[in-house]
Amino acid sequence: MGRQGEGRAAKFGRARAGRLEAVARRFRLANSGDHAALHVHAEETTNGWWMAADDLYFTLLPGESREVVVTCWRKRAGGFLAGDTGLTAALPELIFKSF
């Protein structure tokens, strides 16, 4: 996880716009810091995909690691924002954050 609260964006593989399909990816998260990483969670940053993870809002103690599977589904009709159309060709991008 690096420094407290920071994360790196993770990109998924190939997907086509206009199809309701799921893409899943397995991540191994590790706390290499000196303090506990609290409320570790993933966020999908393109706003074009619904996201579900098999484990969210967990704690990683220093030196601890955990494997998490994240699945994303394209927002076919868009999201809750006025500009969301669901037609973006972007792949899902995740960032993992903690407190």
Protein backbone atom coordinates (compact mmCIF):
# COMPACT_ATOMS: atom_id res chain seq x y z
CA MET A 1 0.00 0.00 0.00
CA GLY A 2 2.98 2.31 0.35
CA ARG A 3 2.44 5.38 2.47
CA GLN A 4 -0.67 5.75 4.59
CA GLY A 5 -3.82 6.35 2.53
CA GLU A 6 -2.16 6.24 -0.87
CA GLY A 7 -2.77 3.78 -3.65
CA ARG A 8 -1.96 3.12 -7.28
CA ALA A 9 -4.52 2.82 -10.04
CA ALA A 10 -4.99 -0.69 -11.41
CA LYS A 11 -6.30 -1.24 -14.93
CA PHE A 12 -8.30 -4.25 -16.03
CA GLY A 13 -8.01 -6.24 -19.26
CA ARG A 14 -10.05 -5.85 -22.44
CA ALA A 15 -13.79 -5.12 -22.47
CA ARG A 16 -16.27 -3.88 -25.08
CA ALA A 17 -18.61 -0.92 -24.72
CA GLY A 18 -22.33 -1.62 -24.97
CA ARG A 19 -22.24 -5.15 -23.53
CA LEU A 20 -23.15 -6.09 -20.00
CA GLU A 21 -20.13 -8.10 -19.04
CA ALA A 22 -18.17 -8.66 -15.88
CA VAL A 23 -14.43 -8.31 -15.57
CA ALA A 24 -12.70 -9.60 -12.46
CA ARG A 25 -9.19 -9.28 -11.16
CA ARG A 26 -7.36 -10.60 -8.09
CA PHE A 27 -5.14 -8.21 -6.10
CA ARG A 28 -2.65 -8.87 -3.31
CA LEU A 29 -2.45 -5.86 -1.00
CA ALA A 30 0.41 -5.51 1.47
CA ASN A 31 1.08 -2.96 4.20
CA SER A 32 4.78 -2.10 4.02
CA GLY A 33 4.40 0.86 6.37
CA ASP A 34 4.95 1.27 10.10
CA HIS A 35 1.28 1.88 11.00
CA ALA A 36 -1.95 -0.03 10.53
CA ALA A 37 -3.84 0.71 7.30
CA LEU A 38 -7.45 1.20 8.41
CA HIS A 39 -10.58 0.85 6.26
CA VAL A 40 -8.70 -0.42 3.20
CA HIS A 41 -11.07 -0.28 0.24
CA ALA A 42 -11.17 -0.09 -3.55
CA GLU A 43 -12.72 2.72 -5.61
CA GLU A 44 -13.51 2.54 -9.34
CA THR A 45 -12.27 5.87 -10.78
CA THR A 46 -13.71 6.02 -14.32
CA ASN A 47 -17.35 6.16 -13.09
CA GLY A 48 -18.30 3.86 -15.96
CA TRP A 49 -18.41 0.61 -13.97
CA TRP A 50 -20.22 -0.86 -10.98
CA MET A 51 -17.80 -2.51 -8.60
CA ALA A 52 -18.01 -5.28 -6.00
CA ALA A 53 -15.17 -6.73 -3.96
CA ASP A 54 -15.12 -9.91 -1.92
CA ASP A 55 -13.63 -7.94 0.98
CA LEU A 56 -13.91 -4.21 1.69
CA TYR A 57 -13.11 -1.91 4.60
CA PHE A 58 -10.61 -4.13 6.35
CA THR A 59 -7.47 -3.41 8.38
CA LEU A 60 -3.93 -4.36 7.38
CA LEU A 61 -1.36 -4.35 10.17
CA PRO A 62 2.29 -3.56 9.35
CA GLY A 63 3.79 -6.44 7.36
CA GLU A 64 0.38 -8.03 6.76
CA SER A 65 -1.07 -8.79 3.30
CA ARG A 66 -4.44 -9.89 1.96
CA GLU A 67 -5.81 -11.07 -1.38
CA VAL A 68 -8.95 -9.37 -2.71
CA VAL A 69 -11.00 -10.20 -5.82
CA VAL A 70 -12.73 -7.22 -7.44
CA THR A 71 -15.43 -7.62 -10.10
CA CYS A 72 -16.68 -4.74 -12.26
CA TRP A 73 -19.76 -4.49 -14.51
CA ARG A 74 -20.18 -1.75 -17.11
CA LYS A 75 -22.87 0.80 -16.25
CA ARG A 76 -24.96 -0.01 -19.30
CA ALA A 77 -27.36 2.92 -18.99
CA GLY A 78 -24.93 5.18 -17.17
CA GLY A 79 -24.71 6.08 -13.54
CA PHE A 80 -26.36 8.57 -11.25
CA LEU A 81 -24.69 11.69 -12.67
CA ALA A 82 -26.27 13.66 -15.52
CA GLY A 83 -23.31 13.09 -17.87
CA ASP A 84 -23.12 9.32 -17.32
CA THR A 85 -24.20 7.58 -20.51
CA GLY A 86 -22.59 4.18 -20.07
CA LEU A 87 -21.02 4.47 -23.52
CA THR A 88 -17.45 5.07 -22.41
CA ALA A 89 -14.84 2.79 -23.94
CA ALA A 90 -12.62 3.11 -20.88
CA LEU A 91 -11.71 0.01 -18.93
CA PRO A 92 -12.31 -0.03 -15.18
CA GLU A 93 -9.57 1.56 -13.10
CA LEU A 94 -9.26 0.95 -9.38
CA ILE A 95 -7.40 2.71 -6.65
CA PHE A 96 -7.02 1.26 -3.17
CA LYS A 97 -7.23 3.70 -0.28
CA SER A 98 -6.96 3.56 3.49
CA PHE A 99 -7.09 5.85 6.49
